[in-house]
Amino acid sequence: MGAFDGKVALVTGSTSGIGEAIARAFSAAGATVVVNSRSSAEAGRRLAAELGAASYVQADVAVEADVARLVATTLADHGRLDVLVNNAGTTEVIPHANLEAADLSVWRRIFEVNVFGTWALSVAAMGALREARGSIVNVTSIAGLRPTGSSIPYAASKAALNHQTVLLAKAVGPDVRVNAVAPGLVDTPWTEDWGALREIVSAIAPLRRSGRPEDIAPIVLALAGAEYVTGQVVAIDGGLTLAS
């Protein structure tokens, strides 16, 4: 018996990296998983087929019509929604001192996905989540907790998402719980070229390495299943924020 037997979990941005690890972990725990991505449809269908009790829906969380369709398709295919993991995100690598490069088009693009898309999907799914007495887990970043990150717009978006998590948890309890995980540097396709930063993290973090997607997934599942936890943002960073 798995901890999520009979439950349905929707994981956005789940065809690679952290999202894929989360989808696999929910599947291993007995959940029916809805895999999602904006692109990479072939990879999404392949992962859903591999998981077995799963489906794939291609949708862009920054597009309102796609958000509505994603929730509607999940309910039509599976009849319920117990867990929403808002993992889809985007960034742009811009040195913080390069103010001109972080123009408003960059801010809008990042916020459309990381903040507005997460909010829109959470609201669209709320009716089903209330009915299931379910939960939301947002994937943010320690860039929202400390003055760091791939760019100032990205860090600001994750700070906004951290606060969104807390405010939403207060607003929708006791029916739905809302928590977040805030990873540090994690080895994913996004960060494969960040060798210099990886060396720095390995040198100063108490656990002396960067993270792996498999380090994040168990904490997401723990928060999704923790019936007396809401409004929490959990840093998963090998202790990096203790040293920086």
Protein backbone atom coordinates (compact mmCIF):
# COMPACT_ATOMS: atom_id res chain seq x y z
CA MET A 1 0.00 0.00 0.00
CA GLY A 2 1.36 3.40 -0.98
CA ALA A 3 0.81 6.57 0.97
CA PHE A 4 -1.02 8.12 -1.99
CA ASP A 5 -3.05 5.14 -3.20
CA GLY A 6 -6.25 6.36 -4.84
CA LYS A 7 -5.00 9.95 -5.00
CA VAL A 8 -4.36 12.08 -8.08
CA ALA A 9 -1.34 14.39 -8.22
CA LEU A 10 -0.80 17.04 -10.91
CA VAL A 11 2.85 18.08 -11.25
CA THR A 12 3.57 20.97 -13.60
CA GLY A 13 6.83 21.16 -15.50
CA SER A 14 7.39 17.46 -14.88
CA THR A 15 9.20 16.11 -17.94
CA SER A 16 12.70 16.61 -16.54
CA GLY A 17 14.69 17.66 -13.48
CA ILE A 18 12.93 18.29 -10.18
CA GLY A 19 9.46 17.93 -11.66
CA GLU A 20 10.20 14.53 -13.14
CA ALA A 21 11.64 13.30 -9.84
CA ILE A 22 8.50 14.49 -8.05
CA ALA A 23 6.23 12.78 -10.58
CA ARG A 24 8.16 9.52 -10.23
CA ALA A 25 8.03 9.71 -6.43
CA PHE A 26 4.26 10.23 -6.37
CA SER A 27 3.80 7.34 -8.77
CA ALA A 28 5.97 5.08 -6.60
CA ALA A 29 3.81 6.10 -3.61
CA GLY A 30 0.66 4.92 -5.38
CA ALA A 31 -0.71 8.14 -6.88
CA THR A 32 -2.10 8.58 -10.35
CA VAL A 33 0.10 11.30 -11.80
CA VAL A 34 -0.73 13.99 -14.34
CA VAL A 35 2.51 14.91 -16.11
CA ASN A 36 2.66 18.37 -17.66
CA SER A 37 4.95 20.58 -19.71
CA ARG A 38 4.72 23.59 -21.98
CA SER A 39 6.81 21.84 -24.63
CA SER A 40 8.56 18.44 -24.71
CA ALA A 41 5.26 16.66 -25.38
CA GLU A 42 7.02 13.52 -26.57
CA ALA A 43 9.00 13.29 -23.33
CA GLY A 44 5.83 13.87 -21.34
CA ARG A 45 3.90 11.12 -23.09
CA ARG A 46 6.86 8.79 -22.70
CA LEU A 47 7.11 9.44 -18.95
CA ALA A 48 3.36 8.98 -18.46
CA ALA A 49 3.51 5.67 -20.33
CA GLU A 50 6.45 4.55 -18.20
CA LEU A 51 4.68 5.42 -14.96
CA GLY A 52 1.59 3.51 -16.00
CA ALA A 53 -1.11 5.07 -13.82
CA ALA A 54 -0.49 8.47 -15.36
CA SER A 55 -1.49 10.82 -18.14
CA TYR A 56 0.13 13.74 -19.92
CA VAL A 57 -1.36 17.16 -20.63
CA GLN A 58 0.56 19.74 -22.62
CA ALA A 59 -0.24 23.20 -21.26
CA ASP A 60 1.49 26.51 -20.59
CA VAL A 61 0.73 27.74 -17.06
CA ALA A 62 1.28 31.32 -18.22
CA VAL A 63 -1.77 31.04 -20.54
CA GLU A 64 -5.13 31.27 -18.78
CA ALA A 65 -6.95 29.09 -21.30
CA ASP A 66 -4.29 26.40 -20.89
CA VAL A 67 -4.64 26.54 -17.12
CA ALA A 68 -8.39 25.97 -17.32
CA ARG A 69 -7.92 23.14 -19.81
CA LEU A 70 -5.24 21.49 -17.66
CA VAL A 71 -7.55 21.32 -14.65
CA ALA A 72 -10.58 20.31 -16.71
CA THR A 73 -8.66 17.53 -18.46
CA THR A 74 -7.30 16.22 -15.17
CA LEU A 75 -10.80 16.00 -13.72
CA ALA A 76 -12.28 14.52 -16.89
CA ASP A 77 -9.58 11.85 -17.06
CA HIS A 78 -9.30 11.00 -13.38
CA GLY A 79 -12.36 12.36 -11.59
CA ARG A 80 -10.52 14.11 -8.77
CA LEU A 81 -7.45 16.11 -7.81
CA ASP A 82 -5.75 15.66 -4.45
CA VAL A 83 -2.34 17.28 -4.86
CA LEU A 84 -1.17 20.16 -7.03
CA VAL A 85 2.58 20.65 -7.31
CA ASN A 86 3.37 24.00 -8.91
CA ASN A 87 6.84 23.18 -10.20
CA ALA A 88 6.82 24.89 -13.61
CA GLY A 89 9.14 27.88 -13.64
CA THR A 90 11.49 29.91 -15.75
CA THR A 91 14.48 32.17 -15.33
CA GLU A 92 17.10 34.17 -17.18
CA VAL A 93 20.71 34.34 -16.06
CA ILE A 94 21.59 38.01 -15.58
CA PRO A 95 24.32 39.35 -13.26
CA HIS A 96 22.60 41.33 -10.54
CA ALA A 97 24.66 44.43 -11.23
CA ASN A 98 23.55 44.50 -14.89
CA LEU A 99 20.39 46.48 -14.26
CA GLU A 100 19.80 47.38 -17.90
CA ALA A 101 19.67 43.73 -18.97
CA ALA A 102 16.88 43.01 -16.49
CA ASP A 103 14.38 45.10 -18.41
CA LEU A 104 10.63 44.92 -17.91
CA SER A 105 10.18 42.30 -20.63
CA VAL A 106 12.32 39.93 -18.55
CA TRP A 107 10.37 40.73 -15.38
CA ARG A 108 7.05 40.15 -17.13
CA ARG A 109 8.09 36.84 -18.70
CA ILE A 110 9.42 35.43 -15.43
CA PHE A 111 6.51 36.63 -13.32
CA GLU A 112 3.94 35.35 -15.84
CA VAL A 113 5.16 31.81 -15.22
CA ASN A 114 6.54 31.77 -11.69
CA VAL A 115 3.97 33.93 -9.93
CA PHE A 116 0.89 34.54 -12.08
CA GLY A 117 0.78 31.03 -13.55
CA THR A 118 1.10 29.44 -10.13
CA TRP A 119 -1.68 31.64 -8.77
CA ALA A 120 -4.00 31.00 -11.73
CA LEU A 121 -3.57 27.23 -11.54
CA SER A 122 -4.02 27.17 -7.77
CA VAL A 123 -7.28 29.10 -8.07
CA ALA A 124 -8.51 26.99 -10.97
CA ALA A 125 -7.81 23.79 -9.03
CA MET A 126 -9.17 25.03 -5.71
CA GLY A 127 -12.68 23.61 -6.08
CA ALA A 128 -11.38 20.10 -6.70
CA LEU A 129 -8.76 20.43 -3.98
CA ARG A 130 -11.36 21.58 -1.46
CA GLU A 131 -13.55 18.61 -2.30
CA ALA A 132 -10.61 16.25 -1.79
CA ARG A 133 -9.30 18.07 1.31
CA GLY A 134 -6.08 18.17 -0.67
CA SER A 135 -2.91 20.20 -0.75
CA ILE A 136 -0.69 22.42 -2.85
CA VAL A 137 3.10 22.31 -2.82
CA ASN A 138 4.90 25.15 -4.59
CA VAL A 139 8.49 24.80 -5.76
CA THR A 140 10.27 28.07 -5.07
CA SER A 141 13.97 28.71 -4.36
CA ILE A 142 16.35 29.91 -1.70
CA ALA A 143 16.73 32.88 -4.07
CA GLY A 144 13.43 33.98 -2.55
CA LEU A 145 14.92 33.76 0.94
CA ARG A 146 18.37 35.27 0.40
CA PRO A 147 19.79 37.98 -1.92
CA THR A 148 21.02 35.46 -4.48
CA GLY A 149 19.78 33.68 -7.59
CA SER A 150 20.19 33.61 -11.36
CA SER A 151 18.80 37.12 -11.74
CA ILE A 152 17.04 39.78 -9.69
CA PRO A 153 13.70 39.25 -11.49
CA TYR A 154 13.91 35.51 -10.80
CA ALA A 155 14.76 36.01 -7.11
CA ALA A 156 11.95 38.54 -6.72
CA SER A 157 9.50 36.13 -8.35
CA LYS A 158 10.43 33.40 -5.90
CA ALA A 159 10.12 35.78 -2.94
CA ALA A 160 6.65 36.65 -4.20
CA LEU A 161 5.82 32.96 -4.53
CA ASN A 162 7.00 32.27 -0.98
CA HIS A 163 4.66 34.96 0.35
CA GLN A 164 1.86 33.81 -1.94
CA THR A 165 2.23 30.38 -0.34
CA VAL A 166 1.77 31.74 3.17
CA LEU A 167 -1.13 34.02 2.27
CA LEU A 168 -2.96 31.31 0.36
CA ALA A 169 -2.49 28.82 3.18
CA LYS A 170 -4.13 31.27 5.57
CA ALA A 171 -6.98 31.94 3.15
CA VAL A 172 -7.96 28.38 2.21
CA GLY A 173 -7.50 26.43 5.44
CA PRO A 174 -8.80 24.15 6.82
CA ASP A 175 -9.99 22.69 3.52
CA VAL A 176 -6.68 22.87 1.63
CA ARG A 177 -3.11 23.00 2.88
CA VAL A 178 -0.48 25.05 1.03
CA ASN A 179 3.27 24.67 1.52
CA ALA A 180 6.44 25.18 -0.47
CA VAL A 181 9.92 23.82 -0.90
CA ALA A 182 12.80 26.19 -1.59
CA PRO A 183 15.69 24.30 -3.18
CA GLY A 184 19.22 25.58 -3.41
CA LEU A 185 21.37 24.71 -6.41
CA VAL A 186 20.11 21.43 -7.88
CA ASP A 187 21.75 19.45 -10.66
CA THR A 188 19.22 19.60 -13.50
CA PRO A 189 19.31 20.34 -17.25
CA TRP A 190 18.79 24.00 -16.28
CA THR A 191 22.03 24.13 -14.30
CA GLU A 192 24.29 21.70 -16.14
CA ASP A 193 26.54 24.55 -17.34
CA TRP A 194 26.82 26.17 -13.89
CA GLY A 195 30.06 24.40 -12.98
CA ALA A 196 31.69 27.35 -11.24
CA LEU A 197 28.67 27.90 -8.98
CA ARG A 198 28.53 24.18 -8.23
CA GLU A 199 32.13 24.31 -7.03
CA ILE A 200 31.35 27.24 -4.74
CA VAL A 201 28.32 25.50 -3.26
CA SER A 202 30.32 22.31 -2.71
CA ALA A 203 33.01 24.31 -0.92
CA ILE A 204 30.80 26.26 1.49
CA ALA A 205 27.58 24.31 2.08
CA PRO A 206 27.76 22.17 5.25
CA LEU A 207 26.78 19.06 3.26
CA ARG A 208 29.48 19.85 0.68
CA ARG A 209 27.53 19.25 -2.52
CA SER A 210 24.80 20.65 -4.70
CA GLY A 211 21.40 19.00 -4.65
CA ARG A 212 19.87 16.34 -6.82
CA PRO A 213 16.22 16.18 -7.93
CA GLU A 214 15.85 13.07 -5.76
CA ASP A 215 16.71 15.23 -2.72
CA ILE A 216 13.69 17.45 -3.35
CA ALA A 217 10.96 14.94 -4.19
CA PRO A 218 10.66 13.26 -0.74
CA ILE A 219 10.12 16.60 0.98
CA VAL A 220 7.39 17.49 -1.52
CA LEU A 221 5.65 14.20 -0.78
CA ALA A 222 6.08 14.70 2.95
CA LEU A 223 4.45 18.14 2.81
CA ALA A 224 1.67 16.86 0.56
CA GLY A 225 0.86 14.18 3.11
CA ALA A 226 1.45 16.11 6.35
CA GLU A 227 -2.08 16.79 7.57
CA TYR A 228 -1.07 19.29 10.27
CA VAL A 229 1.39 21.40 8.27
CA THR A 230 0.45 24.45 6.23
CA GLY A 231 1.96 27.80 5.30
CA GLN A 232 5.55 26.56 5.49
CA VAL A 233 8.45 27.24 3.12
CA VAL A 234 11.10 24.56 3.61
CA ALA A 235 14.65 25.25 2.42
CA ILE A 236 16.33 22.21 0.87
CA ASP A 237 19.86 23.38 0.25
CA GLY A 238 22.39 21.20 2.04
CA GLY A 239 22.69 23.99 4.59
CA LEU A 240 23.82 26.56 2.02
CA THR A 241 21.75 29.35 3.58
CA LEU A 242 23.57 28.76 6.85
CA ALA A 243 26.84 29.70 5.18
CA SER A 244 25.79 32.49 2.86
